[in-house]
């Protein structure tokens, strides 16, 4: 973690203003402890045949807070990945990366920032080598959630069968954009998760026709579902701290497909992400 003095305080104040009356019954101090600021940083990373990082770039670096850039400059060069194999031989690789940076309040003047999670692209896998989304029509926004001003993102984990149908689904994690009592937040998570899972049963995928995974009995796919009020937005403003309450992460019933440090909330909304298709980190996110 890195200590910084920034404008993060404004984000925490905004989060507190979203608190419900039920939360205030527990006291403002409880609200502040739950508040968290977060930022999704994207870029590209290159690794050699041994999995060592040979280079990386951050998208729109000039829009990122200097403390975030320093944090990543300290950590990313020290990452190591499983070597990427092609026809059984290790090769150099270049792919997209997405990193979730979070800030937590230490005192009235300082905040600690750290890396919560990271995800990486598909190593150049061709479209015909992975299941492709054919229909991802969004679920209806629950009217009761709209009236209450509840926003959030449900990160679905889907089991896709060889017929392209979703045979099973769970909510791997649900993050909320409001603060309430733990009981109330659990209830809102369940509401958003239920409608998301129901709609996912109607989604269609095109199974892979080539590559190593073409003969699999099923495929595991992640899809973020965003519930946002006001003007639609597929992703938060880049380089700006956003406040939300991360929900608990549930383990996959179909096996762990990711490397160290993966977090569902590093995945960009607006599409499907095949589990286990990216670079797999074998060192800690801190670079140690």
C-alpha atoms as a PDB file:
ATOM      1  CA  UNK A   1       0.000   0.000   0.000  1.00  0.00           C
ATOM      2  CA  UNK A   2       1.123   3.566  -0.704  1.00  0.00           C
ATOM      3  CA  UNK A   3       0.108   6.537   1.465  1.00  0.00           C
ATOM      4  CA  UNK A   4      -1.089   9.591  -0.456  1.00  0.00           C
ATOM      5  CA  UNK A   5      -2.655  12.990   0.145  1.00  0.00           C
ATOM      6  CA  UNK A   6      -5.152  13.584  -2.664  1.00  0.00           C
ATOM      7  CA  UNK A   7      -8.698  14.695  -3.411  1.00  0.00           C
ATOM      8  CA  UNK A   8     -10.013  11.272  -2.455  1.00  0.00           C
ATOM      9  CA  UNK A   9     -11.803  12.796   0.536  1.00  0.00           C
ATOM     10  CA  UNK A  10     -14.496  14.151  -1.801  1.00  0.00           C
ATOM     11  CA  UNK A  11     -15.300  10.633  -2.970  1.00  0.00           C
ATOM     12  CA  UNK A  12     -15.719   9.363   0.580  1.00  0.00           C
ATOM     13  CA  UNK A  13     -17.989  12.286   1.404  1.00  0.00           C
ATOM     14  CA  UNK A  14     -20.124  11.474  -1.639  1.00  0.00           C
ATOM     15  CA  UNK A  15     -20.398   7.863  -0.558  1.00  0.00           C
ATOM     16  CA  UNK A  16     -21.596   8.903   2.870  1.00  0.00           C
ATOM     17  CA  UNK A  17     -24.323  11.104   1.358  1.00  0.00           C
ATOM     18  CA  UNK A  18     -25.737   7.997  -0.331  1.00  0.00           C
ATOM     19  CA  UNK A  19     -26.319   6.299   3.016  1.00  0.00           C
ATOM     20  CA  UNK A  20     -29.836   5.272   3.881  1.00  0.00           C
ATOM     21  CA  UNK A  21     -31.670   6.086   7.090  1.00  0.00           C
ATOM     22  CA  UNK A  22     -31.098   2.503   8.220  1.00  0.00           C
ATOM     23  CA  UNK A  23     -27.373   3.058   8.102  1.00  0.00           C
ATOM     24  CA  UNK A  24     -27.475   6.306  10.053  1.00  0.00           C
ATOM     25  CA  UNK A  25     -29.136   4.380  12.846  1.00  0.00           C
ATOM     26  CA  UNK A  26     -25.786   2.586  13.185  1.00  0.00           C
ATOM     27  CA  UNK A  27     -23.947   5.935  13.266  1.00  0.00           C
ATOM     28  CA  UNK A  28     -21.968   7.954  10.676  1.00  0.00           C
ATOM     29  CA  UNK A  29     -18.694   6.324  11.776  1.00  0.00           C
ATOM     30  CA  UNK A  30     -19.959   2.948  10.540  1.00  0.00           C
ATOM     31  CA  UNK A  31     -20.762   4.496   7.155  1.00  0.00           C
ATOM     32  CA  UNK A  32     -17.292   5.997   6.771  1.00  0.00           C
ATOM     33  CA  UNK A  33     -15.659   2.657   7.540  1.00  0.00           C
ATOM     34  CA  UNK A  34     -17.584   1.004   4.700  1.00  0.00           C
ATOM     35  CA  UNK A  35     -16.837   3.687   2.125  1.00  0.00           C
ATOM     36  CA  UNK A  36     -14.143   2.907  -0.428  1.00  0.00           C
ATOM     37  CA  UNK A  37     -12.763   4.707  -3.473  1.00  0.00           C
ATOM     38  CA  UNK A  38     -11.807   2.723  -6.540  1.00  0.00           C
ATOM     39  CA  UNK A  39     -10.345   3.243  -9.992  1.00  0.00           C
ATOM     40  CA  UNK A  40     -10.036   0.883 -12.967  1.00  0.00           C
ATOM     41  CA  UNK A  41      -6.786   1.375 -14.889  1.00  0.00           C
ATOM     42  CA  UNK A  42      -6.238  -0.233 -18.284  1.00  0.00           C
ATOM     43  CA  UNK A  43      -3.220  -0.720 -20.494  1.00  0.00           C
ATOM     44  CA  UNK A  44      -1.059  -3.308 -22.242  1.00  0.00           C
ATOM     45  CA  UNK A  45       1.671  -5.611 -20.971  1.00  0.00           C
ATOM     46  CA  UNK A  46       4.429  -7.641 -22.637  1.00  0.00           C
ATOM     47  CA  UNK A  47       6.141 -10.738 -21.222  1.00  0.00           C
ATOM     48  CA  UNK A  48       9.024 -12.906 -22.430  1.00  0.00           C
ATOM     49  CA  UNK A  49       9.297 -16.682 -22.749  1.00  0.00           C
ATOM     50  CA  UNK A  50       9.960 -17.050 -19.006  1.00  0.00           C
ATOM     51  CA  UNK A  51       6.899 -14.990 -18.003  1.00  0.00           C
ATOM     52  CA  UNK A  52       8.900 -11.924 -16.940  1.00  0.00           C
ATOM     53  CA  UNK A  53       7.530  -8.470 -17.777  1.00  0.00           C
ATOM     54  CA  UNK A  54       9.501  -6.816 -20.584  1.00  0.00           C
ATOM     55  CA  UNK A  55       7.311  -3.727 -20.945  1.00  0.00           C
ATOM     56  CA  UNK A  56       3.928  -2.182 -20.241  1.00  0.00           C
ATOM     57  CA  UNK A  57       1.914   0.940 -20.993  1.00  0.00           C
ATOM     58  CA  UNK A  58      -0.976   2.608 -19.167  1.00  0.00           C
ATOM     59  CA  UNK A  59      -3.859   4.030 -21.175  1.00  0.00           C
ATOM     60  CA  UNK A  60      -4.251   7.816 -20.911  1.00  0.00           C
ATOM     61  CA  UNK A  61      -1.482   8.020 -18.346  1.00  0.00           C
ATOM     62  CA  UNK A  62      -1.836  11.794 -18.156  1.00  0.00           C
ATOM     63  CA  UNK A  63      -5.362  11.362 -16.741  1.00  0.00           C
ATOM     64  CA  UNK A  64      -4.238   9.150 -13.856  1.00  0.00           C
ATOM     65  CA  UNK A  65      -3.339  10.511 -10.390  1.00  0.00           C
ATOM     66  CA  UNK A  66       0.429  10.592  -9.860  1.00  0.00           C
ATOM     67  CA  UNK A  67       0.133   8.329  -6.811  1.00  0.00           C
ATOM     68  CA  UNK A  68      -1.589   5.642  -8.887  1.00  0.00           C
ATOM     69  CA  UNK A  69       1.099   5.839 -11.574  1.00  0.00           C
ATOM     70  CA  UNK A  70       3.852   5.504  -8.950  1.00  0.00           C
ATOM     71  CA  UNK A  71       2.108   2.526  -7.371  1.00  0.00           C
ATOM     72  CA  UNK A  72       1.893   0.687 -10.686  1.00  0.00           C
ATOM     73  CA  UNK A  73       5.433   1.638 -11.687  1.00  0.00           C
ATOM     74  CA  UNK A  74       6.624  -0.039  -8.493  1.00  0.00           C
ATOM     75  CA  UNK A  75       4.562  -3.212  -8.877  1.00  0.00           C
ATOM     76  CA  UNK A  76       4.025  -4.129 -12.535  1.00  0.00           C
ATOM     77  CA  UNK A  77       7.716  -4.560 -13.595  1.00  0.00           C
ATOM     78  CA  UNK A  78       8.126  -7.137 -10.800  1.00  0.00           C
ATOM     79  CA  UNK A  79       5.220  -9.353 -11.866  1.00  0.00           C
ATOM     80  CA  UNK A  80       5.851 -12.852 -13.216  1.00  0.00           C
ATOM     81  CA  UNK A  81       3.393 -14.959 -15.209  1.00  0.00           C
ATOM     82  CA  UNK A  82       3.079 -18.535 -16.295  1.00  0.00           C
ATOM     83  CA  UNK A  83       4.927 -18.817 -19.637  1.00  0.00           C
ATOM     84  CA  UNK A  84       2.641 -18.599 -22.670  1.00  0.00           C
ATOM     85  CA  UNK A  85       2.858 -21.761 -24.757  1.00  0.00           C
ATOM     86  CA  UNK A  86       2.253 -22.110 -28.466  1.00  0.00           C
ATOM     87  CA  UNK A  87       2.484 -25.608 -29.933  1.00  0.00           C
ATOM     88  CA  UNK A  88       4.029 -26.638 -26.631  1.00  0.00           C
ATOM     89  CA  UNK A  89       6.799 -24.024 -26.724  1.00  0.00           C
ATOM     90  CA  UNK A  90       7.076 -20.804 -24.650  1.00  0.00           C
ATOM     91  CA  UNK A  91       6.689 -17.601 -26.659  1.00  0.00           C
ATOM     92  CA  UNK A  92       6.768 -13.855 -26.055  1.00  0.00           C
ATOM     93  CA  UNK A  93       3.299 -12.431 -25.477  1.00  0.00           C
ATOM     94  CA  UNK A  94       1.541  -9.075 -25.463  1.00  0.00           C
ATOM     95  CA  UNK A  95      -1.985  -8.513 -24.190  1.00  0.00           C
ATOM     96  CA  UNK A  96      -4.404  -6.084 -22.563  1.00  0.00           C
ATOM     97  CA  UNK A  97      -4.457  -5.611 -18.798  1.00  0.00           C
ATOM     98  CA  UNK A  98      -7.013  -4.155 -16.401  1.00  0.00           C
ATOM     99  CA  UNK A  99      -6.114  -3.230 -12.822  1.00  0.00           C
ATOM    100  CA  UNK A 100      -8.406  -2.291  -9.935  1.00  0.00           C
ATOM    101  CA  UNK A 101      -6.783   0.274  -7.618  1.00  0.00           C
ATOM    102  CA  UNK A 102      -8.483   1.033  -4.305  1.00  0.00           C
ATOM    103  CA  UNK A 103      -8.017   3.722  -1.659  1.00  0.00           C
ATOM    104  CA  UNK A 104      -8.817   3.462   2.030  1.00  0.00           C
ATOM    105  CA  UNK A 105      -8.790   6.209   4.612  1.00  0.00           C
ATOM    106  CA  UNK A 106      -5.973   6.082   7.194  1.00  0.00           C
ATOM    107  CA  UNK A 107      -6.537   9.448   8.868  1.00  0.00           C
ATOM    108  CA  UNK A 108      -8.115  12.818   8.189  1.00  0.00           C
ATOM    109  CA  UNK A 109      -5.233  13.689   5.853  1.00  0.00           C
ATOM    110  CA  UNK A 110      -3.905  10.449   4.361  1.00  0.00           C
ATOM    111  CA  UNK A 111      -5.181   7.511   2.368  1.00  0.00           C
ATOM    112  CA  UNK A 112      -3.552   4.213   1.466  1.00  0.00           C
ATOM    113  CA  UNK A 113      -3.839   3.025  -2.115  1.00  0.00           C
ATOM    114  CA  UNK A 114      -3.196  -0.503  -3.271  1.00  0.00           C
ATOM    115  CA  UNK A 115      -3.953  -2.972  -6.046  1.00  0.00           C
ATOM    116  CA  UNK A 116      -6.992  -5.136  -5.325  1.00  0.00           C
ATOM    117  CA  UNK A 117      -7.038  -7.203  -8.496  1.00  0.00           C
ATOM    118  CA  UNK A 118      -5.948  -7.527 -12.107  1.00  0.00           C
ATOM    119  CA  UNK A 119      -7.067  -9.344 -15.223  1.00  0.00           C
ATOM    120  CA  UNK A 120      -5.336  -9.902 -18.527  1.00  0.00           C
ATOM    121  CA  UNK A 121      -6.366 -10.452 -22.146  1.00  0.00           C
ATOM    122  CA  UNK A 122      -6.692 -13.613 -24.163  1.00  0.00           C
ATOM    123  CA  UNK A 123      -3.099 -13.925 -25.426  1.00  0.00           C
ATOM    124  CA  UNK A 124      -4.153 -13.400 -29.041  1.00  0.00           C
ATOM    125  CA  UNK A 125      -6.616 -16.293 -29.145  1.00  0.00           C
ATOM    126  CA  UNK A 126      -8.674 -16.200 -32.339  1.00  0.00           C
ATOM    127  CA  UNK A 127     -12.473 -15.719 -32.084  1.00  0.00           C
ATOM    128  CA  UNK A 128     -13.188 -19.224 -33.380  1.00  0.00           C
ATOM    129  CA  UNK A 129     -11.131 -20.665 -30.502  1.00  0.00           C
ATOM    130  CA  UNK A 130     -13.412 -19.294 -27.759  1.00  0.00           C
ATOM    131  CA  UNK A 131     -17.164 -19.182 -27.139  1.00  0.00           C
ATOM    132  CA  UNK A 132     -18.600 -15.963 -28.552  1.00  0.00           C
ATOM    133  CA  UNK A 133     -21.633 -14.132 -27.183  1.00  0.00           C
ATOM    134  CA  UNK A 134     -24.528 -14.109 -29.651  1.00  0.00           C
ATOM    135  CA  UNK A 135     -27.216 -12.467 -27.537  1.00  0.00           C
ATOM    136  CA  UNK A 136     -26.616 -10.622 -24.257  1.00  0.00           C
ATOM    137  CA  UNK A 137     -29.839  -8.654 -23.966  1.00  0.00           C
ATOM    138  CA  UNK A 138     -29.768  -6.871 -20.570  1.00  0.00           C
ATOM    139  CA  UNK A 139     -32.209  -7.710 -17.779  1.00  0.00           C
ATOM    140  CA  UNK A 140     -34.919  -5.285 -16.716  1.00  0.00           C
ATOM    141  CA  UNK A 141     -33.926  -2.881 -13.948  1.00  0.00           C
ATOM    142  CA  UNK A 142     -36.012  -3.843 -10.876  1.00  0.00           C
ATOM    143  CA  UNK A 143     -38.514  -1.028 -10.363  1.00  0.00           C
ATOM    144  CA  UNK A 144     -38.118  -1.164  -6.596  1.00  0.00           C
ATOM    145  CA  UNK A 145     -34.345  -0.644  -6.995  1.00  0.00           C
ATOM    146  CA  UNK A 146     -34.904   2.290  -9.353  1.00  0.00           C
ATOM    147  CA  UNK A 147     -37.260   3.968  -6.881  1.00  0.00           C
ATOM    148  CA  UNK A 148     -34.732   3.477  -4.081  1.00  0.00           C
ATOM    149  CA  UNK A 149     -31.849   4.811  -6.202  1.00  0.00           C
ATOM    150  CA  UNK A 150     -29.915   1.544  -5.952  1.00  0.00           C
ATOM    151  CA  UNK A 151     -27.116   1.073  -8.486  1.00  0.00           C
ATOM    152  CA  UNK A 152     -24.529  -1.656  -8.846  1.00  0.00           C
ATOM    153  CA  UNK A 153     -22.765  -4.236 -10.982  1.00  0.00           C
ATOM    154  CA  UNK A 154     -23.400  -7.972 -10.897  1.00  0.00           C
ATOM    155  CA  UNK A 155     -20.488 -10.099 -12.102  1.00  0.00           C
ATOM    156  CA  UNK A 156     -22.047 -13.277 -13.440  1.00  0.00           C
ATOM    157  CA  UNK A 157     -20.201 -16.551 -13.856  1.00  0.00           C
ATOM    158  CA  UNK A 158     -21.855 -18.743 -16.502  1.00  0.00           C
ATOM    159  CA  UNK A 159     -21.533 -22.363 -17.517  1.00  0.00           C
ATOM    160  CA  UNK A 160     -22.127 -22.574 -21.274  1.00  0.00           C
ATOM    161  CA  UNK A 161     -22.941 -25.950 -22.789  1.00  0.00           C
ATOM    162  CA  UNK A 162     -22.034 -27.327 -26.192  1.00  0.00           C
ATOM    163  CA  UNK A 163     -25.408 -26.181 -27.526  1.00  0.00           C
ATOM    164  CA  UNK A 164     -24.481 -22.560 -26.760  1.00  0.00           C
ATOM    165  CA  UNK A 165     -27.068 -22.330 -23.973  1.00  0.00           C
ATOM    166  CA  UNK A 166     -26.358 -21.195 -20.412  1.00  0.00           C
ATOM    167  CA  UNK A 167     -26.809 -24.352 -18.365  1.00  0.00           C
ATOM    168  CA  UNK A 168     -25.989 -22.794 -14.987  1.00  0.00           C
ATOM    169  CA  UNK A 169     -25.139 -19.386 -13.540  1.00  0.00           C
ATOM    170  CA  UNK A 170     -24.054 -17.793 -10.273  1.00  0.00           C
ATOM    171  CA  UNK A 171     -23.334 -14.240  -9.152  1.00  0.00           C
ATOM    172  CA  UNK A 172     -19.608 -14.337  -8.440  1.00  0.00           C
ATOM    173  CA  UNK A 173     -19.608 -10.844  -6.930  1.00  0.00           C
ATOM    174  CA  UNK A 174     -22.007  -7.894  -6.693  1.00  0.00           C
ATOM    175  CA  UNK A 175     -20.803  -4.354  -5.997  1.00  0.00           C
ATOM    176  CA  UNK A 176     -23.275  -1.679  -4.926  1.00  0.00           C
ATOM    177  CA  UNK A 177     -23.139   2.053  -5.544  1.00  0.00           C
ATOM    178  CA  UNK A 178     -25.039   2.861  -2.329  1.00  0.00           C
ATOM    179  CA  UNK A 179     -24.359   2.399   1.360  1.00  0.00           C
ATOM    180  CA  UNK A 180     -26.947   0.871   3.665  1.00  0.00           C
ATOM    181  CA  UNK A 181     -27.105  -1.555   6.557  1.00  0.00           C
ATOM    182  CA  UNK A 182     -25.525  -4.948   5.916  1.00  0.00           C
ATOM    183  CA  UNK A 183     -28.973  -6.551   5.901  1.00  0.00           C
ATOM    184  CA  UNK A 184     -30.324  -4.034   3.400  1.00  0.00           C
ATOM    185  CA  UNK A 185     -27.301  -4.363   1.124  1.00  0.00           C
ATOM    186  CA  UNK A 186     -27.600  -8.149   1.151  1.00  0.00           C
ATOM    187  CA  UNK A 187     -31.215  -7.741   0.080  1.00  0.00           C
ATOM    188  CA  UNK A 188     -30.358  -5.382  -2.779  1.00  0.00           C
ATOM    189  CA  UNK A 189     -27.588  -7.677  -3.971  1.00  0.00           C
ATOM    190  CA  UNK A 190     -30.008 -10.598  -4.088  1.00  0.00           C
ATOM    191  CA  UNK A 191     -32.551  -8.574  -6.072  1.00  0.00           C
ATOM    192  CA  UNK A 192     -30.031  -7.539  -8.707  1.00  0.00           C
ATOM    193  CA  UNK A 193     -28.499 -11.011  -8.801  1.00  0.00           C
ATOM    194  CA  UNK A 194     -31.856 -12.766  -9.214  1.00  0.00           C
ATOM    195  CA  UNK A 195     -32.940 -10.733 -12.256  1.00  0.00           C
ATOM    196  CA  UNK A 196     -29.456 -11.011 -13.780  1.00  0.00           C
ATOM    197  CA  UNK A 197     -29.338 -14.798 -13.431  1.00  0.00           C
ATOM    198  CA  UNK A 198     -32.863 -15.197 -14.803  1.00  0.00           C
ATOM    199  CA  UNK A 199     -32.012 -13.169 -17.895  1.00  0.00           C
ATOM    200  CA  UNK A 200     -28.727 -15.022 -18.400  1.00  0.00           C
ATOM    201  CA  UNK A 201     -30.702 -18.233 -18.980  1.00  0.00           C
ATOM    202  CA  UNK A 202     -31.930 -16.658 -22.228  1.00  0.00           C
ATOM    203  CA  UNK A 203     -28.482 -15.717 -23.537  1.00  0.00           C
ATOM    204  CA  UNK A 204     -26.915 -17.535 -26.472  1.00  0.00           C
ATOM    205  CA  UNK A 205     -23.292 -18.278 -27.321  1.00  0.00           C
ATOM    206  CA  UNK A 206     -21.509 -19.676 -30.361  1.00  0.00           C
ATOM    207  CA  UNK A 207     -19.224 -22.534 -29.230  1.00  0.00           C
ATOM    208  CA  UNK A 208     -15.590 -22.562 -30.417  1.00  0.00           C
ATOM    209  CA  UNK A 209     -14.996 -24.492 -33.618  1.00  0.00           C
ATOM    210  CA  UNK A 210     -11.198 -24.642 -33.457  1.00  0.00           C
ATOM    211  CA  UNK A 211      -8.392 -24.758 -30.909  1.00  0.00           C
ATOM    212  CA  UNK A 212      -7.713 -26.708 -27.732  1.00  0.00           C
ATOM    213  CA  UNK A 213     -11.016 -25.815 -26.059  1.00  0.00           C
ATOM    214  CA  UNK A 214     -13.256 -26.826 -28.971  1.00  0.00           C
ATOM    215  CA  UNK A 215     -13.813 -30.320 -27.534  1.00  0.00           C
ATOM    216  CA  UNK A 216     -14.588 -29.219 -23.972  1.00  0.00           C
ATOM    217  CA  UNK A 217     -17.851 -30.412 -22.411  1.00  0.00           C
ATOM    218  CA  UNK A 218     -18.638 -26.826 -21.344  1.00  0.00           C
ATOM    219  CA  UNK A 219     -17.050 -23.380 -21.064  1.00  0.00           C
ATOM    220  CA  UNK A 220     -17.023 -20.877 -18.199  1.00  0.00           C
ATOM    221  CA  UNK A 221     -17.770 -17.258 -19.139  1.00  0.00           C
ATOM    222  CA  UNK A 222     -17.975 -14.065 -17.079  1.00  0.00           C
ATOM    223  CA  UNK A 223     -20.420 -11.255 -17.905  1.00  0.00           C
ATOM    224  CA  UNK A 224     -20.655  -7.988 -15.896  1.00  0.00           C
ATOM    225  CA  UNK A 225     -24.219  -6.612 -15.700  1.00  0.00           C
ATOM    226  CA  UNK A 226     -24.437  -2.910 -14.855  1.00  0.00           C
ATOM    227  CA  UNK A 227     -27.429  -1.236 -13.184  1.00  0.00           C
ATOM    228  CA  UNK A 228     -26.976   2.508 -13.582  1.00  0.00           C
ATOM    229  CA  UNK A 229     -29.439   5.386 -13.148  1.00  0.00           C
ATOM    230  CA  UNK A 230     -29.409   8.481 -15.336  1.00  0.00           C
ATOM    231  CA  UNK A 231     -27.517   8.619 -18.604  1.00  0.00           C
ATOM    232  CA  UNK A 232     -26.324   5.114 -19.543  1.00  0.00           C
ATOM    233  CA  UNK A 233     -22.600   4.533 -19.182  1.00  0.00           C
ATOM    234  CA  UNK A 234     -20.784   1.285 -19.954  1.00  0.00           C
ATOM    235  CA  UNK A 235     -17.796   2.178 -17.820  1.00  0.00           C
ATOM    236  CA  UNK A 236     -16.810   4.788 -15.203  1.00  0.00           C
ATOM    237  CA  UNK A 237     -14.981   7.958 -16.145  1.00  0.00           C
ATOM    238  CA  UNK A 238     -11.344   7.110 -16.654  1.00  0.00           C
ATOM    239  CA  UNK A 239      -8.844   8.347 -14.086  1.00  0.00           C
ATOM    240  CA  UNK A 240     -11.556   9.391 -11.626  1.00  0.00           C
ATOM    241  CA  UNK A 241     -12.109   7.837  -8.200  1.00  0.00           C
ATOM    242  CA  UNK A 242     -15.496   6.162  -7.925  1.00  0.00           C
ATOM    243  CA  UNK A 243     -17.197   5.089  -4.700  1.00  0.00           C
ATOM    244  CA  UNK A 244     -18.859   1.711  -4.278  1.00  0.00           C
ATOM    245  CA  UNK A 245     -19.227  -1.085  -1.757  1.00  0.00           C
ATOM    246  CA  UNK A 246     -17.616  -4.343  -2.930  1.00  0.00           C
ATOM    247  CA  UNK A 247     -19.655  -7.430  -2.246  1.00  0.00           C
ATOM    248  CA  UNK A 248     -18.256 -10.777  -1.117  1.00  0.00           C
ATOM    249  CA  UNK A 249     -16.717 -12.949  -3.809  1.00  0.00           C
ATOM    250  CA  UNK A 250     -18.054 -16.460  -4.227  1.00  0.00           C
ATOM    251  CA  UNK A 251     -15.906 -19.313  -5.483  1.00  0.00           C
ATOM    252  CA  UNK A 252     -16.577 -20.930  -8.837  1.00  0.00           C
ATOM    253  CA  UNK A 253     -18.333 -24.320  -8.677  1.00  0.00           C
ATOM    254  CA  UNK A 254     -16.575 -25.245 -11.916  1.00  0.00           C
ATOM    255  CA  UNK A 255     -12.965 -24.865 -10.809  1.00  0.00           C
ATOM    256  CA  UNK A 256     -10.493 -21.990 -10.463  1.00  0.00           C
ATOM    257  CA  UNK A 257      -9.401 -20.796 -13.896  1.00  0.00           C
ATOM    258  CA  UNK A 258      -7.379 -17.724 -12.962  1.00  0.00           C
ATOM    259  CA  UNK A 259      -3.954 -16.823 -11.622  1.00  0.00           C
ATOM    260  CA  UNK A 260      -3.013 -14.939  -8.463  1.00  0.00           C
ATOM    261  CA  UNK A 261      -4.701 -11.599  -7.913  1.00  0.00           C
ATOM    262  CA  UNK A 262      -7.652 -11.986 -10.285  1.00  0.00           C
ATOM    263  CA  UNK A 263     -10.795 -10.080  -9.314  1.00  0.00           C
ATOM    264  CA  UNK A 264     -14.115 -10.091 -11.224  1.00  0.00           C
ATOM    265  CA  UNK A 265     -14.497  -6.324 -10.830  1.00  0.00           C
ATOM    266  CA  UNK A 266     -11.477  -5.739 -13.077  1.00  0.00           C
ATOM    267  CA  UNK A 267     -13.533  -6.863 -16.085  1.00  0.00           C
ATOM    268  CA  UNK A 268     -14.944  -4.162 -18.333  1.00  0.00           C
ATOM    269  CA  UNK A 269     -18.739  -4.120 -18.807  1.00  0.00           C
ATOM    270  CA  UNK A 270     -20.299  -4.565 -22.216  1.00  0.00           C
ATOM    271  CA  UNK A 271     -19.217  -8.066 -23.167  1.00  0.00           C
ATOM    272  CA  UNK A 272     -18.366 -11.623 -22.223  1.00  0.00           C
ATOM    273  CA  UNK A 273     -14.999 -12.772 -20.870  1.00  0.00           C
ATOM    274  CA  UNK A 274     -13.918 -16.404 -21.148  1.00  0.00           C
ATOM    275  CA  UNK A 275     -12.559 -17.648 -17.816  1.00  0.00           C
ATOM    276  CA  UNK A 276      -8.931 -18.735 -17.797  1.00  0.00           C
ATOM    277  CA  UNK A 277      -8.134 -17.308 -21.224  1.00  0.00           C
ATOM    278  CA  UNK A 278      -5.631 -14.639 -20.152  1.00  0.00           C
ATOM    279  CA  UNK A 279      -2.142 -14.423 -18.706  1.00  0.00           C
ATOM    280  CA  UNK A 280      -1.889 -16.073 -15.288  1.00  0.00           C
ATOM    281  CA  UNK A 281       0.009 -14.176 -12.598  1.00  0.00           C
ATOM    282  CA  UNK A 282       2.197 -16.245 -10.264  1.00  0.00           C
ATOM    283  CA  UNK A 283       3.590 -13.435  -8.074  1.00  0.00           C
ATOM    284  CA  UNK A 284       1.718 -11.131  -5.683  1.00  0.00           C
ATOM    285  CA  UNK A 285       0.041  -7.989  -7.014  1.00  0.00           C
ATOM    286  CA  UNK A 286       2.378  -5.887  -4.895  1.00  0.00           C
ATOM    287  CA  UNK A 287       5.270  -7.211  -6.984  1.00  0.00           C
ATOM    288  CA  UNK A 288       6.871  -9.003  -4.037  1.00  0.00           C
END
